[in-house]
Amino acid sequence: MLTQLSVYLPNSPGVLASFIELLMKNNINIRSMTVAETKEYGLLLLLVDKPLDCVALLDEKDYTVSITKVIAIKLSDNIKGLYKIAKIFGEKNINIEYLYSTMVNDESLIVLRVNDDNKAMKILKNQGFNIIHEN
């Protein structure tokens, strides 16, 4: 499983650039980022190379941040692999709470948050999926 950071930022021009600059200045590399927005704030879901260092930095700078464990899976064929995962999880009563896709080192990844991590990991391993681990 991977450590995903959820960070709330004010939804206004320049805030995202300042946030990314902070990470760059502290040698924290973003592996994946997705942003959802509301009128008042943006929610960043981040995978970074040094999650614990990043959390410490963001706490020090008074950002609102939380940690979530997520599953990342390498897929060579996104749609067929994703269909297989969704079908198996549906049959095994595992709910996909959210997912997003990303590219890391030219590899396509699906990042999932599910309601039962242990059960999902066992199923994915048994089905031969290539699961990405921290480091």
Protein backbone atom coordinates (compact mmCIF):
# COMPACT_ATOMS: atom_id res chain seq x y z
CA MET A 1 0.00 0.00 0.00
CA LEU A 2 1.04 3.59 -0.53
CA THR A 3 0.71 6.63 1.68
CA GLN A 4 -1.52 9.26 0.09
CA LEU A 5 -1.67 12.78 1.47
CA SER A 6 -4.86 14.80 1.36
CA VAL A 7 -4.18 18.52 1.56
CA TYR A 8 -6.73 21.33 1.69
CA LEU A 9 -5.76 24.57 -0.02
CA PRO A 10 -7.68 27.82 -0.43
CA ASN A 11 -9.27 27.96 -3.87
CA SER A 12 -7.59 31.08 -5.20
CA PRO A 13 -5.04 31.96 -7.90
CA GLY A 14 -1.39 31.26 -7.11
CA VAL A 15 -1.98 29.00 -4.09
CA LEU A 16 -1.20 25.78 -5.95
CA ALA A 17 2.01 27.24 -7.40
CA SER A 18 3.15 28.33 -3.93
CA PHE A 19 2.38 24.89 -2.54
CA ILE A 20 4.35 23.12 -5.28
CA GLU A 21 7.23 25.56 -4.82
CA LEU A 22 7.34 24.68 -1.10
CA LEU A 23 7.66 21.00 -1.96
CA MET A 24 10.32 21.69 -4.60
CA LYS A 25 12.41 23.80 -2.19
CA ASN A 26 12.32 20.90 0.28
CA ASN A 27 13.25 18.23 -2.30
CA ILE A 28 9.90 16.47 -2.13
CA ASN A 29 8.86 15.07 -5.49
CA ILE A 30 5.24 14.63 -6.51
CA ARG A 31 4.59 11.21 -8.01
CA SER A 32 0.88 11.77 -8.56
CA MET A 33 -1.59 14.54 -7.87
CA THR A 34 -5.27 14.99 -8.44
CA VAL A 35 -7.27 18.04 -7.41
CA ALA A 36 -10.95 18.32 -6.59
CA GLU A 37 -12.42 21.71 -5.90
CA THR A 38 -15.23 23.46 -4.18
CA LYS A 39 -15.95 27.15 -4.07
CA GLU A 40 -13.77 27.73 -1.00
CA TYR A 41 -10.97 25.15 -1.18
CA GLY A 42 -9.17 22.62 -3.29
CA LEU A 43 -8.50 19.10 -2.10
CA LEU A 44 -5.19 17.69 -3.34
CA LEU A 45 -4.64 13.96 -3.28
CA LEU A 46 -0.89 13.44 -3.47
CA LEU A 47 1.58 10.62 -3.75
CA VAL A 48 5.07 11.90 -2.97
CA ASP A 49 8.47 10.28 -2.69
CA LYS A 50 8.89 11.20 1.01
CA PRO A 51 5.43 11.18 2.59
CA LEU A 52 6.52 11.43 6.24
CA ASP A 53 8.88 14.32 5.50
CA CYS A 54 6.11 15.99 3.55
CA VAL A 55 3.60 15.63 6.40
CA ALA A 56 6.12 17.12 8.85
CA LEU A 57 6.78 20.04 6.51
CA LEU A 58 3.08 20.71 5.92
CA ASP A 59 2.30 20.50 9.64
CA GLU A 60 5.11 22.97 10.31
CA LYS A 61 3.62 25.34 7.70
CA ASP A 62 0.07 24.96 9.15
CA TYR A 63 -1.46 23.14 6.19
CA THR A 64 -4.40 20.86 6.84
CA VAL A 65 -3.17 17.41 5.84
CA SER A 66 -4.31 13.85 6.44
CA ILE A 67 -2.88 10.46 5.55
CA THR A 68 -4.76 7.69 3.77
CA LYS A 69 -3.46 4.30 2.71
CA VAL A 70 -4.24 3.51 -0.93
CA ILE A 71 -3.59 0.65 -3.31
CA ALA A 72 -1.66 1.33 -6.51
CA ILE A 73 -1.69 -1.21 -9.31
CA LYS A 74 0.30 -1.28 -12.55
CA LEU A 75 -1.95 -1.85 -15.52
CA SER A 76 -0.75 -2.43 -19.06
CA ASP A 77 -4.27 -2.12 -20.46
CA ASN A 78 -6.20 0.38 -18.32
CA ILE A 79 -9.74 -0.35 -19.40
CA LYS A 80 -9.59 -4.16 -19.36
CA GLY A 81 -7.57 -4.30 -16.15
CA LEU A 82 -9.79 -1.74 -14.48
CA TYR A 83 -12.89 -3.65 -15.60
CA LYS A 84 -11.49 -6.87 -14.13
CA ILE A 85 -10.74 -5.15 -10.80
CA ALA A 86 -14.19 -3.52 -10.63
CA LYS A 87 -15.92 -6.79 -11.52
CA ILE A 88 -14.00 -8.90 -9.01
CA PHE A 89 -14.42 -6.33 -6.25
CA GLY A 90 -18.14 -6.09 -6.96
CA GLU A 91 -18.49 -9.86 -6.75
CA LYS A 92 -16.50 -9.93 -3.48
CA ASN A 93 -18.44 -7.01 -1.96
CA ILE A 94 -15.50 -4.60 -1.89
CA ASN A 95 -16.50 -1.00 -2.49
CA ILE A 96 -14.20 1.27 -4.49
CA GLU A 97 -14.56 4.57 -2.64
CA TYR A 98 -12.55 6.46 -5.24
CA LEU A 99 -9.86 5.93 -7.83
CA TYR A 100 -7.66 7.86 -10.16
CA SER A 101 -5.07 6.99 -12.74
CA THR A 102 -1.56 8.32 -13.14
CA MET A 103 1.69 7.69 -14.95
CA VAL A 104 4.91 7.11 -13.00
CA ASN A 105 8.13 6.34 -14.88
CA ASP A 106 6.10 5.72 -18.06
CA GLU A 107 3.96 3.13 -16.30
CA SER A 108 0.21 3.41 -16.03
CA LEU A 109 -1.09 3.11 -12.48
CA ILE A 110 -4.55 2.95 -10.98
CA VAL A 111 -4.75 4.26 -7.41
CA LEU A 112 -7.67 2.93 -5.36
CA ARG A 113 -9.21 3.63 -1.99
CA VAL A 114 -11.43 0.74 -0.94
CA ASN A 115 -13.51 -0.17 2.10
CA ASP A 116 -11.51 -3.33 2.93
CA ASP A 117 -7.78 -3.00 2.23
CA ASN A 118 -6.72 -6.44 3.45
CA LYS A 119 -9.36 -8.32 1.48
CA ALA A 120 -8.67 -6.24 -1.64
CA MET A 121 -4.92 -6.83 -1.43
CA LYS A 122 -5.39 -10.60 -1.10
CA ILE A 123 -7.72 -10.69 -4.09
CA LEU A 124 -5.40 -8.57 -6.25
CA LYS A 125 -2.40 -10.75 -5.37
CA ASN A 126 -4.36 -13.94 -6.07
CA GLN A 127 -5.43 -12.54 -9.45
CA GLY A 128 -1.82 -11.71 -10.36
CA PHE A 129 -2.08 -7.92 -10.39
CA ASN A 130 1.16 -5.98 -10.02
CA ILE A 131 0.75 -4.00 -6.79
CA ILE A 132 3.08 -1.08 -6.09
CA HIS A 133 4.53 -0.77 -2.61
CA GLU A 134 6.13 2.14 -0.76
CA ASN A 135 9.73 2.71 -1.98
